[in-house]
Amino acid sequence: MAALFPCLLATLRGEPVDRLAGLILAGPAATLVLMLLAAGYGRPAYLDAAFVVALLSFAGSLVYARFLGGTA
């Protein structure tokens, strides 16, 4: 969970490119946390949530990059 804190700070502050970097790094970090929770607690629902977070974070990064490219 500590890996998400720097990603959150980068996403909330800084230039748009820094925010995009924080968003891109937060996706795999959250996915890893959920996968470790699924393995630790033996709950397959957490694994499903990890896959959904991975797909949505990738799509969200593409959408944000699209809007960022339109403003530059």
N, C-alpha and C. Protein backbone atom coordinates (compact mmCIF):
# COMPACT_ATOMS: atom_id res chain seq x y z
N MET A 1 0.82 -1.19 0.00
CA MET A 1 0.00 0.00 0.00
C MET A 1 0.87 1.25 0.00
N ALA A 2 2.05 1.15 0.54
CA ALA A 2 2.93 2.32 0.59
C ALA A 2 3.37 2.75 -0.80
N ALA A 3 3.32 1.85 -1.77
CA ALA A 3 3.71 2.20 -3.13
C ALA A 3 2.69 3.12 -3.79
N LEU A 4 1.47 3.12 -3.29
CA LEU A 4 0.44 3.97 -3.88
C LEU A 4 0.55 5.43 -3.43
N PHE A 5 1.18 5.67 -2.30
CA PHE A 5 1.28 7.04 -1.78
C PHE A 5 2.07 7.97 -2.71
N PRO A 6 3.27 7.59 -3.19
CA PRO A 6 3.98 8.47 -4.13
C PRO A 6 3.22 8.65 -5.45
N CYS A 7 2.52 7.61 -5.87
CA CYS A 7 1.72 7.72 -7.09
C CYS A 7 0.59 8.72 -6.90
N LEU A 8 -0.02 8.69 -5.72
CA LEU A 8 -1.10 9.62 -5.41
C LEU A 8 -0.58 11.05 -5.36
N LEU A 9 0.57 11.25 -4.76
CA LEU A 9 1.15 12.60 -4.71
C LEU A 9 1.49 13.11 -6.11
N ALA A 10 2.03 12.25 -6.95
CA ALA A 10 2.37 12.66 -8.31
C ALA A 10 1.12 12.95 -9.12
N THR A 11 0.05 12.23 -8.85
CA THR A 11 -1.19 12.43 -9.59
C THR A 11 -1.89 13.71 -9.16
N LEU A 12 -1.78 14.08 -7.90
CA LEU A 12 -2.48 15.25 -7.41
C LEU A 12 -1.72 16.56 -7.61
N ARG A 13 -0.41 16.49 -7.77
CA ARG A 13 0.40 17.70 -7.90
C ARG A 13 1.29 17.61 -9.13
N GLY A 14 1.72 18.75 -9.60
CA GLY A 14 2.70 18.78 -10.67
C GLY A 14 2.10 19.07 -12.03
N GLU A 15 2.95 18.96 -13.00
CA GLU A 15 2.56 19.20 -14.38
C GLU A 15 1.69 18.05 -14.89
N PRO A 16 0.97 18.25 -15.98
CA PRO A 16 0.13 17.18 -16.52
C PRO A 16 0.90 15.90 -16.87
N VAL A 17 2.14 16.05 -17.32
CA VAL A 17 2.93 14.86 -17.65
C VAL A 17 3.28 14.08 -16.38
N ASP A 18 3.56 14.79 -15.29
CA ASP A 18 3.83 14.13 -14.01
C ASP A 18 2.58 13.43 -13.49
N ARG A 19 1.44 14.04 -13.70
CA ARG A 19 0.18 13.43 -13.29
C ARG A 19 -0.08 12.15 -14.07
N LEU A 20 0.23 12.19 -15.36
CA LEU A 20 0.06 10.99 -16.17
C LEU A 20 0.99 9.88 -15.71
N ALA A 21 2.21 10.22 -15.36
CA ALA A 21 3.16 9.23 -14.85
C ALA A 21 2.66 8.61 -13.54
N GLY A 22 2.12 9.43 -12.66
CA GLY A 22 1.55 8.91 -11.42
C GLY A 22 0.37 8.00 -11.66
N LEU A 23 -0.47 8.36 -12.61
CA LEU A 23 -1.62 7.53 -12.96
C LEU A 23 -1.18 6.20 -13.55
N ILE A 24 -0.19 6.24 -14.40
CA ILE A 24 0.29 5.00 -15.03
C ILE A 24 0.94 4.09 -13.99
N LEU A 25 1.66 4.65 -13.03
CA LEU A 25 2.31 3.83 -12.00
C LEU A 25 1.33 3.31 -10.95
N ALA A 26 0.24 4.03 -10.73
CA ALA A 26 -0.73 3.61 -9.72
C ALA A 26 -1.49 2.35 -10.13
N GLY A 27 -1.70 2.16 -11.43
CA GLY A 27 -2.44 0.99 -11.90
C GLY A 27 -1.76 -0.33 -11.55
N PRO A 28 -0.51 -0.53 -11.94
CA PRO A 28 0.16 -1.77 -11.57
C PRO A 28 0.37 -1.93 -10.07
N ALA A 29 0.58 -0.82 -9.36
CA ALA A 29 0.76 -0.92 -7.91
C ALA A 29 -0.52 -1.40 -7.24
N ALA A 30 -1.66 -0.85 -7.64
CA ALA A 30 -2.94 -1.29 -7.08
C ALA A 30 -3.25 -2.72 -7.48
N THR A 31 -2.91 -3.09 -8.69
CA THR A 31 -3.12 -4.46 -9.14
C THR A 31 -2.28 -5.44 -8.33
N LEU A 32 -1.05 -5.08 -8.07
CA LEU A 32 -0.17 -5.94 -7.28
C LEU A 32 -0.68 -6.08 -5.85
N VAL A 33 -1.14 -4.99 -5.27
CA VAL A 33 -1.67 -5.05 -3.91
C VAL A 33 -2.89 -5.98 -3.86
N LEU A 34 -3.79 -5.84 -4.82
CA LEU A 34 -4.97 -6.70 -4.82
C LEU A 34 -4.62 -8.17 -5.08
N MET A 35 -3.62 -8.42 -5.92
CA MET A 35 -3.21 -9.81 -6.17
C MET A 35 -2.58 -10.42 -4.92
N LEU A 36 -1.78 -9.63 -4.20
CA LEU A 36 -1.19 -10.14 -2.97
C LEU A 36 -2.25 -10.37 -1.90
N LEU A 37 -3.25 -9.51 -1.83
CA LEU A 37 -4.36 -9.73 -0.90
C LEU A 37 -5.14 -10.99 -1.26
N ALA A 38 -5.34 -11.21 -2.55
CA ALA A 38 -6.05 -12.42 -3.00
C ALA A 38 -5.28 -13.67 -2.61
N ALA A 39 -3.96 -13.63 -2.77
CA ALA A 39 -3.15 -14.80 -2.40
C ALA A 39 -3.09 -14.98 -0.89
N GLY A 40 -2.98 -13.87 -0.16
CA GLY A 40 -2.85 -13.95 1.28
C GLY A 40 -4.12 -14.40 1.98
N TYR A 41 -5.25 -13.91 1.53
CA TYR A 41 -6.52 -14.25 2.18
C TYR A 41 -7.25 -15.40 1.50
N GLY A 42 -6.77 -15.84 0.35
CA GLY A 42 -7.42 -16.93 -0.37
C GLY A 42 -8.79 -16.55 -0.90
N ARG A 43 -8.93 -15.31 -1.34
CA ARG A 43 -10.22 -14.81 -1.84
C ARG A 43 -10.10 -14.53 -3.33
N PRO A 44 -10.70 -15.36 -4.17
CA PRO A 44 -10.59 -15.15 -5.63
C PRO A 44 -11.28 -13.88 -6.12
N ALA A 45 -12.20 -13.32 -5.34
CA ALA A 45 -12.86 -12.09 -5.75
C ALA A 45 -11.85 -10.94 -5.83
N TYR A 46 -10.85 -10.94 -4.97
CA TYR A 46 -9.82 -9.91 -5.03
C TYR A 46 -9.01 -10.04 -6.31
N LEU A 47 -8.81 -11.26 -6.77
CA LEU A 47 -8.08 -11.47 -8.02
C LEU A 47 -8.88 -10.93 -9.20
N ASP A 48 -10.19 -11.14 -9.19
CA ASP A 48 -11.03 -10.57 -10.23
C ASP A 48 -10.98 -9.05 -10.21
N ALA A 49 -11.01 -8.48 -9.01
CA ALA A 49 -10.92 -7.03 -8.88
C ALA A 49 -9.57 -6.52 -9.40
N ALA A 50 -8.51 -7.28 -9.18
CA ALA A 50 -7.19 -6.88 -9.68
C ALA A 50 -7.17 -6.83 -11.20
N PHE A 51 -7.79 -7.80 -11.84
CA PHE A 51 -7.84 -7.78 -13.31
C PHE A 51 -8.65 -6.60 -13.83
N VAL A 52 -9.74 -6.29 -13.16
CA VAL A 52 -10.56 -5.15 -13.56
C VAL A 52 -9.79 -3.85 -13.38
N VAL A 53 -9.08 -3.71 -12.27
CA VAL A 53 -8.28 -2.50 -12.03
C VAL A 53 -7.19 -2.37 -13.09
N ALA A 54 -6.57 -3.48 -13.45
CA ALA A 54 -5.51 -3.43 -14.47
C ALA A 54 -6.07 -2.96 -15.81
N LEU A 55 -7.22 -3.46 -16.20
CA LEU A 55 -7.80 -3.05 -17.48
C LEU A 55 -8.27 -1.60 -17.45
N LEU A 56 -8.92 -1.20 -16.36
CA LEU A 56 -9.43 0.16 -16.28
C LEU A 56 -8.31 1.18 -16.13
N SER A 57 -7.24 0.84 -15.45
CA SER A 57 -6.14 1.80 -15.31
C SER A 57 -5.44 2.02 -16.65
N PHE A 58 -5.33 0.96 -17.43
CA PHE A 58 -4.73 1.12 -18.77
C PHE A 58 -5.62 2.00 -19.64
N ALA A 59 -6.92 1.74 -19.62
CA ALA A 59 -7.85 2.54 -20.42
C ALA A 59 -7.88 3.98 -19.93
N GLY A 60 -7.86 4.18 -18.62
CA GLY A 60 -7.86 5.54 -18.08
C GLY A 60 -6.61 6.30 -18.47
N SER A 61 -5.48 5.63 -18.49
CA SER A 61 -4.23 6.28 -18.90
C SER A 61 -4.29 6.70 -20.36
N LEU A 62 -4.88 5.87 -21.19
CA LEU A 62 -5.02 6.23 -22.60
C LEU A 62 -5.94 7.42 -22.80
N VAL A 63 -7.04 7.46 -22.05
CA VAL A 63 -7.96 8.58 -22.15
C VAL A 63 -7.30 9.86 -21.68
N TYR A 64 -6.59 9.80 -20.55
CA TYR A 64 -5.91 10.99 -20.04
C TYR A 64 -4.84 11.45 -21.01
N ALA A 65 -4.10 10.54 -21.61
CA ALA A 65 -3.07 10.91 -22.57
C ALA A 65 -3.70 11.53 -23.81
N ARG A 66 -4.86 11.06 -24.18
CA ARG A 66 -5.57 11.63 -25.35
C ARG A 66 -5.96 13.08 -25.08
N PHE A 67 -6.50 13.35 -23.90
CA PHE A 67 -6.87 14.71 -23.55
C PHE A 67 -5.64 15.58 -23.37
N LEU A 68 -4.57 15.03 -22.84
CA LEU A 68 -3.33 15.77 -22.66
C LEU A 68 -2.74 16.14 -24.01
N GLY A 69 -2.81 15.22 -24.97
CA GLY A 69 -2.29 15.51 -26.30
C GLY A 69 -3.11 16.55 -27.03
N GLY A 70 -4.40 16.63 -26.73
CA GLY A 70 -5.25 17.62 -27.38
C GLY A 70 -5.00 19.03 -26.89
N THR A 71 -4.50 19.18 -25.66
CA THR A 71 -4.29 20.52 -25.11
C THR A 71 -2.90 21.06 -25.43
N ALA A 72 -1.99 20.21 -25.79
CA ALA A 72 -0.61 20.66 -26.03
C ALA A 72 -0.43 21.22 -27.42
